[in-house]
Protein backbone atom coordinates (compact mmCIF):
# COMPACT_ATOMS: atom_id res chain seq x y z
CA MET A 1 -22.37 16.93 -9.25
CA ARG A 2 -22.02 14.39 -12.00
CA GLN A 3 -24.59 11.69 -12.34
CA SER A 4 -23.57 8.31 -11.03
CA GLY A 5 -22.57 5.67 -13.54
CA VAL A 6 -20.03 5.97 -16.31
CA ARG A 7 -20.28 6.99 -19.94
CA GLY A 8 -19.89 4.23 -22.43
CA GLU A 9 -18.81 4.47 -26.04
CA ARG A 10 -20.52 7.27 -27.99
CA GLY A 11 -22.55 8.52 -25.07
CA ARG A 12 -24.12 5.23 -24.01
CA ARG A 13 -24.13 4.67 -20.29
CA ALA A 14 -22.57 1.51 -18.91
CA THR A 15 -23.87 -0.34 -15.91
CA VAL A 16 -21.49 -0.16 -12.94
CA PRO A 17 -20.64 -3.61 -11.57
CA GLU A 18 -20.35 -4.70 -8.00
CA PRO A 19 -17.93 -2.19 -6.47
CA ARG A 20 -15.34 -4.55 -5.09
CA GLU A 21 -14.19 -8.08 -4.69
CA HIS A 22 -15.65 -9.87 -1.72
CA GLY A 23 -13.54 -9.38 1.36
CA GLU A 24 -11.47 -6.52 -0.01
CA ASP A 25 -11.29 -3.44 2.20
CA ASP A 26 -9.78 -0.19 0.99
CA SER A 27 -10.21 1.48 4.36
CA PRO A 28 -7.33 2.02 6.74
CA PRO A 29 -6.81 -1.01 8.99
CA LYS A 30 -8.09 -0.72 12.49
CA GLY A 31 -6.28 -1.47 15.67
CA LYS A 32 -2.55 -1.89 15.56
CA GLY A 33 -1.62 0.30 12.64
CA PRO A 34 -1.68 -0.06 8.88
CA ALA A 35 -2.09 -3.64 7.71
CA PRO A 36 -1.47 -4.56 4.09
CA HIS A 37 -4.21 -4.88 1.52
CA GLY A 38 -5.46 -8.44 1.96
CA ALA A 39 -3.00 -9.20 4.80
CA GLY A 40 -2.79 -12.83 5.82
CA ARG A 41 -4.16 -14.30 2.63
CA GLY A 42 -2.60 -16.24 -0.13
CA PRO A 43 -4.19 -17.83 -3.18
CA GLY A 44 -7.95 -17.76 -2.97
CA GLY A 45 -7.71 -15.88 0.31
CA GLN A 46 -6.95 -19.12 2.15
CA GLY A 47 -3.34 -18.44 3.10
CA ARG A 48 -0.15 -18.81 1.12
CA PRO A 49 0.87 -22.20 -0.34
CA ASP A 50 3.31 -22.96 2.48
CA GLY A 51 0.59 -22.41 5.04
CA GLN A 52 2.27 -19.52 6.80
CA GLY A 53 -0.52 -17.01 6.13
CA ARG A 54 1.69 -14.59 4.30
CA PRO A 55 -0.30 -11.63 2.92
CA LYS A 56 -1.04 -11.37 -0.75
CA ARG A 57 0.86 -8.70 -2.62
CA SER A 58 -0.67 -5.34 -3.39
CA ARG A 59 1.13 -3.54 -6.19
CA GLY A 60 -1.82 -1.31 -6.87
CA VAL A 61 -5.21 -2.62 -7.77
CA ARG A 62 -5.88 -0.10 -10.47
CA ILE A 63 -2.80 0.51 -12.58
CA LEU A 64 -5.11 2.01 -15.21
CA ARG A 65 -5.09 5.12 -13.09
CA TRP A 66 -1.50 5.91 -13.85
CA THR A 67 -1.44 4.21 -17.25
CA ALA A 68 -4.30 6.29 -18.61
CA LEU A 69 -3.06 9.58 -17.27
CA THR A 70 0.52 8.98 -18.36
CA LEU A 71 -0.32 7.96 -21.86
CA ALA A 72 -3.13 10.44 -22.31
CA VAL A 73 -0.65 13.26 -22.33
CA LEU A 74 0.59 11.94 -25.65
CA VAL A 75 -2.52 13.41 -27.27
CA LEU A 76 -3.58 16.21 -24.93
CA GLY A 77 -3.86 19.47 -26.79
CA ALA A 78 -4.83 17.83 -30.09
CA ALA A 79 -8.47 18.66 -29.41
CA GLY A 80 -7.74 22.30 -28.53
CA ALA A 81 -9.14 23.77 -31.73
CA GLY A 82 -10.04 27.09 -30.22
CA TYR A 83 -9.04 29.37 -27.40
CA PHE A 84 -12.26 28.94 -25.42
CA TYR A 85 -12.11 25.18 -25.57
CA TYR A 86 -8.47 25.34 -24.52
CA GLU A 87 -9.42 27.46 -21.53
CA HIS A 88 -12.24 25.01 -20.76
CA LEU A 89 -9.76 22.13 -20.63
CA ASN A 90 -7.42 24.19 -18.45
CA GLY A 91 -10.37 24.80 -16.11
CA ASN A 92 -10.94 21.07 -15.79
CA LEU A 93 -7.51 20.52 -14.26
CA LYS A 94 -7.28 20.51 -10.45
CA LYS A 95 -3.99 21.72 -9.00
CA GLU A 96 -2.14 21.19 -5.69
CA ASP A 97 1.31 22.04 -4.29
CA LEU A 98 4.15 19.79 -5.44
CA ASP A 99 6.09 19.21 -2.19
CA LEU A 100 4.77 19.71 1.35
CA GLY A 101 7.98 18.58 3.03
CA ASP A 102 11.32 20.23 3.70
CA SER A 103 13.63 18.20 1.48
CA LYS A 104 16.95 19.67 0.42
CA ILE A 105 17.33 17.27 -2.50
CA GLY A 106 18.38 19.28 -5.55
CA LYS A 107 17.47 18.87 -9.22
CA PRO A 108 19.97 16.56 -11.04
CA GLU A 109 22.83 18.15 -12.89
CA PRO A 110 22.39 18.49 -16.67
CA ASN A 111 24.39 16.12 -18.86
CA ALA A 112 26.96 17.34 -21.37
CA ALA A 113 24.15 18.30 -23.78
CA GLY A 114 22.37 20.33 -21.11
CA GLN A 115 19.60 17.72 -20.62
CA THR A 116 18.14 16.60 -17.29
CA PRO A 117 16.08 13.51 -16.46
CA LEU A 118 12.34 13.87 -15.76
CA ASN A 119 10.66 12.24 -12.75
CA ILE A 120 6.88 12.17 -12.43
CA LEU A 121 5.05 10.61 -9.49
CA LEU A 122 1.74 8.99 -10.44
CA ILE A 123 -0.86 8.58 -7.69
CA GLY A 124 -4.12 6.65 -7.69
CA SER A 125 -6.47 7.96 -5.02
CA ASP A 126 -9.20 5.85 -3.42
CA SER A 127 -11.34 8.92 -2.76
CA ARG A 128 -15.08 8.34 -2.25
CA ASN A 129 -15.94 11.99 -2.64
CA SER A 130 -18.68 11.39 -5.22
CA ALA A 131 -21.53 8.96 -5.85
CA GLU A 132 -19.55 7.57 -8.80
CA ASN A 133 -16.51 6.85 -6.65
CA VAL A 134 -18.60 5.21 -3.95
CA LYS A 135 -20.22 2.89 -6.52
CA LEU A 136 -16.92 1.99 -8.14
CA GLY A 137 -14.90 1.69 -4.94
CA GLY A 138 -17.49 0.49 -2.44
CA ALA A 139 -16.97 1.08 1.27
CA LYS A 140 -19.76 3.66 1.70
CA GLN A 141 -18.71 4.07 5.30
CA ASP A 142 -15.47 5.67 4.03
CA ALA A 143 -17.18 8.36 1.97
CA ASP A 144 -16.10 11.11 4.38
CA ARG A 145 -12.58 9.96 5.25
CA LYS A 146 -9.48 11.39 3.65
CA PRO A 147 -8.37 9.38 0.60
CA LEU A 148 -5.42 7.00 0.58
CA GLY A 149 -2.83 6.89 -2.20
CA ASP A 150 -3.23 3.21 -3.04
CA VAL A 151 -1.37 3.29 -6.37
CA GLN A 152 2.00 4.99 -6.43
CA MET A 153 4.47 4.80 -9.32
CA LEU A 154 7.45 6.87 -10.33
CA VAL A 155 8.02 7.45 -14.02
CA HIS A 156 11.69 8.23 -14.76
CA VAL A 157 12.44 9.51 -18.26
CA SER A 158 16.14 9.61 -19.08
CA ALA A 159 17.88 12.91 -19.73
CA ASP A 160 18.37 12.05 -23.41
CA ARG A 161 14.76 10.68 -23.60
CA SER A 162 16.10 7.37 -24.91
CA ASN A 163 14.44 5.20 -22.23
CA MET A 164 11.77 5.24 -19.51
CA SER A 165 11.62 3.36 -16.24
CA VAL A 166 8.50 2.92 -14.12
CA VAL A 167 8.87 1.88 -10.45
CA SER A 168 5.87 1.07 -8.32
CA ILE A 169 5.80 0.71 -4.54
CA PRO A 170 3.27 -1.59 -2.80
CA ARG A 171 0.69 0.49 -0.98
CA ASP A 172 1.36 -1.18 2.41
CA THR A 173 5.15 -0.51 2.38
CA ARG A 174 6.15 0.76 5.82
CA VAL A 175 8.16 4.01 5.45
CA THR A 176 8.99 7.21 7.27
CA ILE A 177 6.50 9.91 6.31
CA PRO A 178 8.24 13.28 6.81
CA GLN A 179 6.65 16.30 8.47
CA CYS A 180 4.17 17.90 6.08
CA THR A 181 2.03 21.04 6.33
CA ASP A 182 -1.45 21.08 4.76
CA PRO A 183 -1.54 24.06 2.39
CA HIS A 184 -5.32 24.45 2.82
CA ASP A 185 -5.73 24.64 6.62
CA GLY A 186 -2.18 24.90 7.93
CA THR A 187 -2.30 21.62 9.85
CA VAL A 188 1.19 20.35 10.61
CA TYR A 189 1.49 16.58 10.43
CA PRO A 190 4.57 15.43 12.39
CA LYS A 191 7.07 12.91 11.03
CA THR A 192 5.75 9.38 11.57
CA GLU A 193 6.13 5.73 10.55
CA GLY A 194 3.30 4.29 8.48
CA ALA A 195 2.09 2.68 5.27
CA ILE A 196 3.11 4.77 2.26
CA ASN A 197 -0.50 5.09 1.12
CA GLN A 198 -1.30 7.05 4.27
CA SER A 199 1.02 9.89 3.18
CA LEU A 200 -1.79 11.29 1.00
CA GLN A 201 -3.79 11.95 4.18
CA HIS A 202 -1.06 14.22 5.53
CA GLY A 203 -2.00 17.31 3.53
CA GLY A 204 -2.42 15.89 0.02
CA PRO A 205 -0.29 14.61 -2.87
CA GLY A 206 2.56 16.98 -1.95
CA CYS A 207 3.22 14.89 1.16
CA THR A 208 3.36 11.71 -0.93
CA VAL A 209 5.93 13.45 -3.13
CA ALA A 210 7.94 14.42 0.00
CA THR A 211 7.78 10.81 1.26
CA TRP A 212 9.08 9.44 -2.06
CA LYS A 213 11.93 11.97 -2.19
CA GLU A 214 13.12 10.97 1.25
CA LEU A 215 12.70 7.24 0.67
CA THR A 216 14.43 7.15 -2.74
CA GLY A 217 16.68 10.23 -2.82
CA VAL A 218 15.18 10.95 -6.26
CA TYR A 219 14.28 14.55 -7.16
CA ILE A 220 10.62 14.66 -8.35
CA ASP A 221 9.61 17.20 -10.98
CA HIS A 222 5.84 16.65 -11.10
CA PHE A 223 2.92 14.56 -9.87
CA MET A 224 -0.37 13.45 -11.45
CA MET A 225 -3.28 12.02 -9.46
CA ILE A 226 -6.57 10.35 -10.52
CA ASP A 227 -9.53 8.70 -8.70
CA PHE A 228 -11.93 5.81 -9.39
CA SER A 229 -14.37 7.57 -11.72
CA GLY A 230 -11.46 9.08 -13.68
CA VAL A 231 -10.18 5.56 -14.33
CA VAL A 232 -13.38 4.46 -16.04
CA SER A 233 -13.92 7.66 -18.01
CA MET A 234 -10.37 7.43 -19.30
CA ALA A 235 -10.83 3.76 -20.23
CA ASP A 236 -13.87 4.64 -22.27
CA ALA A 237 -12.12 7.58 -23.96
CA ILE A 238 -9.13 5.49 -24.96
CA GLY A 239 -11.44 3.12 -26.84
CA GLY A 240 -10.23 -0.26 -25.59
CA VAL A 241 -7.04 -2.26 -25.12
CA PRO A 242 -6.34 -5.80 -26.34
CA VAL A 243 -5.78 -8.36 -23.55
CA CYS A 244 -5.42 -12.12 -23.70
CA VAL A 245 -6.29 -15.11 -21.47
CA ASP A 246 -5.16 -18.70 -22.04
CA GLY A 247 -8.59 -20.11 -21.20
CA ASN A 248 -12.18 -19.18 -20.35
CA VAL A 249 -12.32 -17.15 -17.12
CA TYR A 250 -15.16 -15.96 -14.92
CA SER A 251 -13.94 -14.08 -11.86
CA HIS A 252 -16.84 -14.98 -9.64
CA ASP A 253 -17.82 -17.78 -7.27
CA SER A 254 -20.63 -18.74 -4.88
CA LYS A 255 -18.96 -16.90 -2.00
CA GLY A 256 -18.82 -13.62 -3.93
CA HIS A 257 -15.14 -13.71 -4.69
CA GLY A 258 -14.24 -12.04 -7.95
CA SER A 259 -14.33 -8.89 -10.01
CA GLY A 260 -17.07 -10.10 -12.39
CA LEU A 261 -14.71 -10.32 -15.36
CA LYS A 262 -15.93 -12.94 -17.83
CA LEU A 263 -13.90 -13.68 -20.98
CA THR A 264 -13.47 -16.60 -23.32
CA LYS A 265 -10.06 -17.96 -24.32
CA GLY A 266 -8.10 -15.64 -26.59
CA THR A 267 -7.70 -11.92 -27.18
CA HIS A 268 -10.36 -9.33 -26.31
CA ASN A 269 -10.56 -5.54 -26.58
CA VAL A 270 -11.60 -4.38 -23.09
CA LYS A 271 -12.77 -0.87 -22.28
CA GLY A 272 -14.57 1.06 -19.56
CA VAL A 273 -15.99 -1.06 -16.75
CA GLN A 274 -14.65 -4.30 -18.29
CA ALA A 275 -11.16 -2.79 -18.33
CA LEU A 276 -11.57 -1.92 -14.66
CA GLN A 277 -12.64 -5.51 -14.00
CA TRP A 278 -9.51 -6.80 -15.75
CA LEU A 279 -7.30 -4.56 -13.64
CA ARG A 280 -9.02 -5.56 -10.40
CA THR A 281 -9.11 -9.32 -11.04
CA ARG A 282 -7.29 -11.40 -8.47
CA TYR A 283 -9.63 -14.41 -8.24
CA GLY A 284 -9.21 -16.05 -11.61
CA PHE A 285 -5.58 -15.33 -12.58
CA GLU A 286 -2.66 -17.61 -11.69
CA ASP A 287 -2.69 -18.33 -7.92
CA ASN A 288 -5.56 -15.96 -7.08
CA SER A 289 -3.17 -13.55 -5.37
CA ASP A 290 -2.06 -10.00 -6.01
CA ILE A 291 1.03 -11.36 -7.77
CA GLY A 292 -1.17 -12.60 -10.61
CA ARG A 293 -3.27 -9.40 -10.53
CA ALA A 294 -0.13 -7.25 -10.87
CA LYS A 295 1.02 -9.27 -13.86
CA ALA A 296 -2.38 -8.75 -15.53
CA GLN A 297 -2.08 -5.01 -14.88
CA HIS A 298 1.37 -4.86 -16.43
CA MET A 299 0.12 -6.76 -19.48
CA TYR A 300 -2.70 -4.27 -19.90
CA MET A 301 -0.31 -1.36 -19.51
CA THR A 302 2.20 -2.56 -22.10
CA SER A 303 -0.61 -3.34 -24.52
CA MET A 304 -2.00 0.16 -24.07
CA ILE A 305 1.41 1.70 -24.72
CA ARG A 306 1.72 -0.24 -27.95
CA GLN A 307 -1.81 0.68 -28.92
CA LEU A 308 -1.34 4.41 -28.46
CA LYS A 309 2.12 4.45 -30.00
CA SER A 310 0.70 2.84 -33.14
CA GLY A 311 -1.84 5.60 -33.47
CA THR A 312 -4.61 3.16 -34.41
CA LYS A 313 -7.03 4.68 -31.89
CA LEU A 314 -6.12 8.34 -32.38
CA SER A 315 -7.22 9.09 -35.96
CA ASP A 316 -10.75 10.08 -34.99
CA PRO A 317 -10.99 13.77 -33.89
CA GLY A 318 -14.04 12.92 -31.78
CA LYS A 319 -12.10 10.33 -29.84
CA LEU A 320 -9.23 12.75 -29.38
CA MET A 321 -11.63 15.32 -27.95
CA ASP A 322 -13.21 12.72 -25.65
CA LEU A 323 -9.73 11.74 -24.44
CA ALA A 324 -8.67 15.34 -23.80
CA GLU A 325 -11.92 16.03 -21.96
CA ALA A 326 -11.70 12.88 -19.84
CA ALA A 327 -8.03 13.29 -19.02
CA THR A 328 -8.24 16.94 -17.91
CA ASP A 329 -11.41 16.34 -15.93
CA ALA A 330 -9.87 13.31 -14.17
CA LEU A 331 -6.49 14.75 -13.24
CA THR A 332 -5.09 16.58 -10.24
CA VAL A 333 -1.58 17.89 -10.99
CA ASP A 334 1.04 20.13 -9.46
CA HIS A 335 1.05 23.81 -10.43
CA GLY A 336 3.98 23.21 -12.78
CA LEU A 337 1.74 21.00 -14.94
CA GLY A 338 -1.35 23.14 -14.52
CA THR A 339 -2.14 23.83 -18.20
CA VAL A 340 -2.92 21.70 -21.22
CA LYS A 341 0.07 23.25 -22.98
CA LYS A 342 2.42 21.97 -20.24
CA LEU A 343 0.81 18.52 -20.35
CA TYR A 344 1.14 18.49 -24.11
CA ASP A 345 4.83 19.36 -23.87
CA LEU A 346 5.24 16.58 -21.34
CA GLY A 347 3.51 14.18 -23.69
CA ASN A 348 5.95 15.10 -26.49
CA ASP A 349 8.81 14.17 -24.16
CA LEU A 350 7.19 10.84 -23.27
CA LYS A 351 6.36 9.79 -26.79
CA ARG A 352 10.02 10.17 -27.83
CA VAL A 353 10.84 7.08 -25.76
CA PRO A 354 10.79 3.85 -27.85
CA THR A 355 8.40 1.16 -26.53
CA LYS A 356 11.25 -1.33 -26.45
CA ARG A 357 13.15 0.94 -24.03
CA THR A 358 10.27 1.11 -21.53
CA THR A 359 10.75 -0.99 -18.39
CA MET A 360 8.27 -1.50 -15.54
CA ILE A 361 9.19 -2.93 -12.14
CA THR A 362 8.00 -3.11 -8.59
CA MET A 363 10.35 -1.96 -5.86
CA PRO A 364 12.18 -5.02 -4.43
CA TRP A 365 10.45 -5.78 -1.12
CA GLU A 366 10.37 -8.21 1.79
CA TYR A 367 7.84 -8.91 4.52
CA GLY A 368 8.09 -7.17 7.88
CA GLY A 369 6.21 -7.27 11.15
CA GLY A 370 5.55 -10.97 10.88
CA GLY A 371 3.85 -10.49 7.52
CA GLU A 372 1.81 -7.42 8.59
CA TYR A 373 3.44 -5.15 6.01
CA VAL A 374 6.35 -5.00 3.58
CA LEU A 375 9.67 -3.15 3.63
CA PRO A 376 12.15 -2.13 0.94
CA LYS A 377 14.43 -5.12 0.40
CA PRO A 378 17.88 -4.33 1.78
CA GLY A 379 20.42 -3.85 -0.97
CA ASP A 380 18.10 -4.47 -3.91
CA ALA A 381 15.72 -1.56 -3.24
CA GLU A 382 18.59 0.90 -2.76
CA GLN A 383 20.31 -0.38 -5.90
CA THR A 384 17.12 0.27 -7.85
CA PHE A 385 16.80 3.81 -6.47
CA SER A 386 20.48 4.42 -7.25
CA LEU A 387 19.91 3.53 -10.89
CA LEU A 388 17.19 6.18 -11.06
CA ARG A 389 19.30 8.81 -9.31
CA ASN A 390 22.18 8.18 -11.69
CA ASP A 391 19.96 8.05 -14.77
CA ILE A 392 20.90 4.45 -15.63
CA SER A 393 18.27 2.57 -17.56
CA LEU A 394 16.58 -0.43 -15.95
CA ASP A 395 16.76 -2.45 -19.15
CA GLY A 396 20.56 -2.59 -19.06
CA LYS A 397 20.87 -1.34 -22.63
CA ASP A 398 22.63 1.95 -22.06
CA LYS A 399 25.60 2.43 -24.33
CA LYS A 400 28.83 1.98 -22.42
CA LYS A 401 31.21 4.91 -22.53
CA PRO A 402 34.90 4.33 -23.31
CA ASP A 403 36.86 3.48 -20.22
CA ALA A 404 39.18 6.45 -20.59
CA THR A 405 41.01 7.88 -17.56
CA PRO A 406 42.42 11.32 -18.35
CA ALA A 407 45.51 12.36 -16.43
CA PRO A 408 45.27 14.92 -13.59
CA THR A 409 46.18 18.53 -14.51
CA ALA A 410 48.70 18.79 -11.64
CA PRO A 411 50.25 16.82 -8.73
CA LYS A 412 47.58 16.01 -6.10
CA GLU A 413 49.07 18.46 -3.54
CA GLN A 414 48.31 21.27 -6.00
CA ILE A 415 44.72 20.31 -6.86
CA PRO A 416 42.01 22.32 -5.03
CA VAL A 417 39.18 20.13 -3.72
CA VAL A 418 36.04 21.49 -2.00
CA VAL A 419 34.27 19.02 0.35
CA GLN A 420 30.56 19.50 1.13
CA ASN A 421 28.29 17.73 3.62
CA GLY A 422 25.32 16.21 1.74
CA THR A 423 23.70 14.40 4.69
CA ALA A 424 20.81 16.85 5.30
CA SER A 425 18.13 14.16 5.26
CA THR A 426 14.85 15.26 6.91
CA VAL A 427 14.19 11.62 7.81
CA LEU A 428 17.62 10.47 9.04
CA GLY A 429 18.80 13.90 10.15
CA PRO A 430 22.12 15.50 9.17
CA VAL A 431 25.49 14.20 10.35
CA SER A 432 27.44 17.21 11.55
CA GLY A 433 31.09 17.50 10.69
CA ARG A 434 31.18 15.13 7.71
CA ALA A 435 32.81 17.69 5.40
CA ALA A 436 35.58 18.33 7.94
CA VAL A 437 36.20 14.60 8.51
CA ILE A 438 36.58 13.79 4.82
CA THR A 439 38.63 16.99 4.24
CA SER A 440 41.10 15.75 6.83
CA GLU A 441 41.20 12.34 5.12
CA LEU A 442 42.00 13.96 1.76
CA VAL A 443 44.76 16.02 3.33
CA ARG A 444 46.20 12.84 4.82
CA LEU A 445 46.07 11.30 1.34
CA GLY A 446 48.13 14.18 -0.04
CA TYR A 447 45.45 16.63 -1.21
CA ALA A 448 46.85 19.54 0.76
CA ARG A 449 44.50 22.11 -0.82
CA ALA A 450 41.30 20.32 0.27
CA THR A 451 38.87 22.65 2.10
CA ALA A 452 35.43 22.17 3.69
CA ASN A 453 32.28 23.98 2.55
CA THR A 454 30.00 24.55 5.57
CA VAL A 455 26.76 24.73 3.51
CA LEU A 456 24.63 21.66 4.31
CA ILE A 457 22.74 20.00 1.42
CA SER A 458 20.93 16.69 0.87
CA GLN A 459 22.22 14.08 -1.59
CA ALA A 460 21.77 10.35 -1.60
CA ASP A 461 24.98 9.35 -3.41
CA THR A 462 28.48 10.57 -2.74
CA THR A 463 29.75 12.33 -5.91
CA VAL A 464 32.81 14.08 -7.20
CA LEU A 465 31.90 17.02 -9.46
CA TYR A 466 34.17 18.75 -11.90
CA PRO A 467 33.50 22.09 -13.71
CA ASP A 468 35.09 21.47 -17.10
CA GLU A 469 36.57 18.69 -19.22
CA PRO A 470 40.26 19.40 -18.38
CA ARG A 471 39.60 18.77 -14.70
CA GLN A 472 37.83 15.44 -15.20
CA GLY A 473 41.19 13.75 -14.58
CA ASP A 474 41.52 15.58 -11.27
CA ALA A 475 38.08 14.40 -10.19
CA LEU A 476 38.81 10.79 -11.17
CA ALA A 477 42.04 10.90 -9.18
CA VAL A 478 40.16 12.10 -6.09
CA ALA A 479 37.60 9.34 -6.52
CA LYS A 480 40.36 6.73 -6.88
CA ALA A 481 42.12 7.98 -3.73
CA LEU A 482 38.90 7.60 -1.70
CA LYS A 483 38.00 4.26 -3.37
CA LEU A 484 34.83 5.69 -4.95
CA PRO A 485 33.49 4.12 -8.13
CA LYS A 486 34.06 5.96 -11.45
CA SER A 487 30.32 6.41 -11.75
CA ALA A 488 30.51 8.86 -8.81
CA VAL A 489 32.42 11.33 -10.99
CA LYS A 490 30.13 13.78 -12.81
CA SER A 491 30.32 16.98 -14.80
CA SER A 492 28.69 20.05 -13.24
CA LYS A 493 28.27 23.66 -14.32
CA SER A 494 27.40 24.67 -10.74
CA VAL A 495 30.87 24.23 -9.25
CA GLN A 496 34.06 26.21 -9.71
CA GLU A 497 36.50 23.60 -8.42
CA VAL A 498 36.55 19.83 -8.08
CA THR A 499 33.88 19.32 -5.41
CA LEU A 500 33.27 16.19 -3.33
CA VAL A 501 29.71 15.93 -1.96
CA VAL A 502 29.60 13.42 0.91
CA GLY A 503 26.19 11.80 0.53
CA ASN A 504 23.81 9.88 2.75
CA ASP A 505 25.43 6.64 1.58
CA TRP A 506 28.56 7.64 3.57
CA ARG A 507 27.37 8.92 6.90
CA GLU A 508 30.27 7.73 9.04
CA GLY A 509 33.99 6.87 8.92
CA THR A 510 36.63 7.67 6.35
CA ALA A 511 36.36 4.46 4.30
CA TYR A 512 33.63 4.54 1.62
CA PRO A 513 31.26 1.67 2.50
CA LYS A 514 30.63 0.48 -1.06
CA ALA A 515 33.11 -1.49 -3.10
CA ALA A 516 34.71 0.65 -5.80
CA ALA A 517 34.29 -2.13 -8.35
CA ASP A 518 30.52 -2.36 -7.71
CA ASP A 519 28.85 0.33 -9.73
CA GLY A 520 25.41 -1.29 -9.24
CA ASP A 521 24.45 -0.72 -12.85
CA LYS A 522 22.14 -3.75 -13.11
CA THR A 523 18.50 -4.02 -12.17
CA PRO A 524 18.02 -6.59 -9.36
CA LYS A 525 16.19 -9.75 -10.39
CA SER A 526 13.83 -9.22 -7.48
CA ALA A 527 12.44 -6.15 -9.31
CA ASP A 528 10.61 -8.46 -11.77
CA ALA A 529 11.17 -6.23 -14.78
CA LEU A 530 8.72 -6.18 -17.70
CA ASN A 531 9.69 -4.76 -21.11
CA GLY A 532 7.21 -2.60 -23.00
CA GLU A 533 7.18 -4.93 -26.03
CA GLU A 534 6.53 -8.19 -24.16
CA LYS A 535 3.27 -9.93 -25.09
CA GLY A 536 1.50 -12.89 -23.60
CA CYS A 537 -1.72 -14.30 -22.18
CA MET A 538 -2.78 -14.42 -18.56
CA LYS A 539 -2.86 -17.87 -17.05
CA VAL A 540 -6.39 -18.69 -15.84
CA ASN A 541 -6.82 -20.34 -12.47
CA PRO A 542 -8.75 -23.63 -13.02
CA SER A 543 -11.12 -22.85 -10.14
CA TYR A 544 -12.42 -19.86 -12.08
CA ALA A 545 -12.61 -21.43 -15.55
CA PHE A 546 -15.89 -22.15 -17.30
């Protein structure tokens, strides 16, 4: 067992601060189900400004968890000077199964260059399985309970590696958690409704992956998970990140509110415990709510990206070795990422993305249950997930392709079309007969050679696939006949004929429910997007100034 406390710069040991802000409880809510983190409080914990008692937002108190582990892979492997040390680093990594559910969502089709997007789920665990974690996270009474996944973010790297999108989901978002089987003891956890952070208790990170896949319809390639002590060791190994405040701030008051963060006006290089304080500070920033805290976390994250991209902290071999040691010791990954070499290859993919093409958002949400929890915001949340599924950047800077519409290769009555039912959702359940219904509609529209494929698959978006360039015009004609958007038409090496997959966005009727003119290629304003190059200073709340 490691000693409690955390290592400071060059081996010095740093004093661990008070483990939590007063009144914060990371344990599962008692009584009537999962309540949100800090439910019923607004600024200063006294209720929201309009007096309705709306809960403060929780976008993840410790974004450093995912930030450190994501960016650390940019340099993993650099310290592997010898075989034995390489094996030592491999031995540090903890590994778990990727997906504990029964999703039938398939990997995205490669683009014309044979490239596929990369989706990595980042999980911050609140485990108290060590003395270090208990000190840093508090709640000693929770030392023996299963951890919750309080920080959850999906990193989407585009197929051509030109851009990266990061989508977080508030920990108290009410979702359907699919049936999961614990790989260690065989326990079967039935499908249930609950806060998304509880999915980690249903067998491990693989159930959180399964929950995300069913919620978003996005195929997930890998996951990475880190706990409290890993956050601080990574912060020390990175060597500090510049942050800025617009005034003196001391996150502490007579009632014990605050993280203990104390900074003077201007820019400071925070590391280790102080970095953790920055990321946990709610009392002291803006309106003393999680909205301000999330903004501070995003500022830290973008600053760290710029710092590591510049290479200013990575020229010292000793620091590289510390970073490799800290990262591998802190991480739990899926078996597909279970070696330093694989993490290093992943890092090479990530570092190809320009900082200016990195966009971070929170899933659009709204309150539910009278303010007891949040839900995905209708329309906006699905539009955001659709952008990820279709590999459309969240910054809106994708190059527009020419609006060319090639002619069909033959009259529509001579064009073979295969129709497949893609409604095999483990959460919603499949809709039987969808392929037959839409086949009949195509025949009515003149596509006499339309046939149904009886193999059931799962796909969020209805798509029209074509096997080669000459038949792109055939696929576009089918889409037009059914009033599908042009964005639904995609190239695929896995089909022999033009193939229509009826997705979970079209579970009933013969009229496609979305307007053909609405391709949904813009990020909703409610996602509160932040670009990787944006700089600024956190606004200090006057009540916590000194």
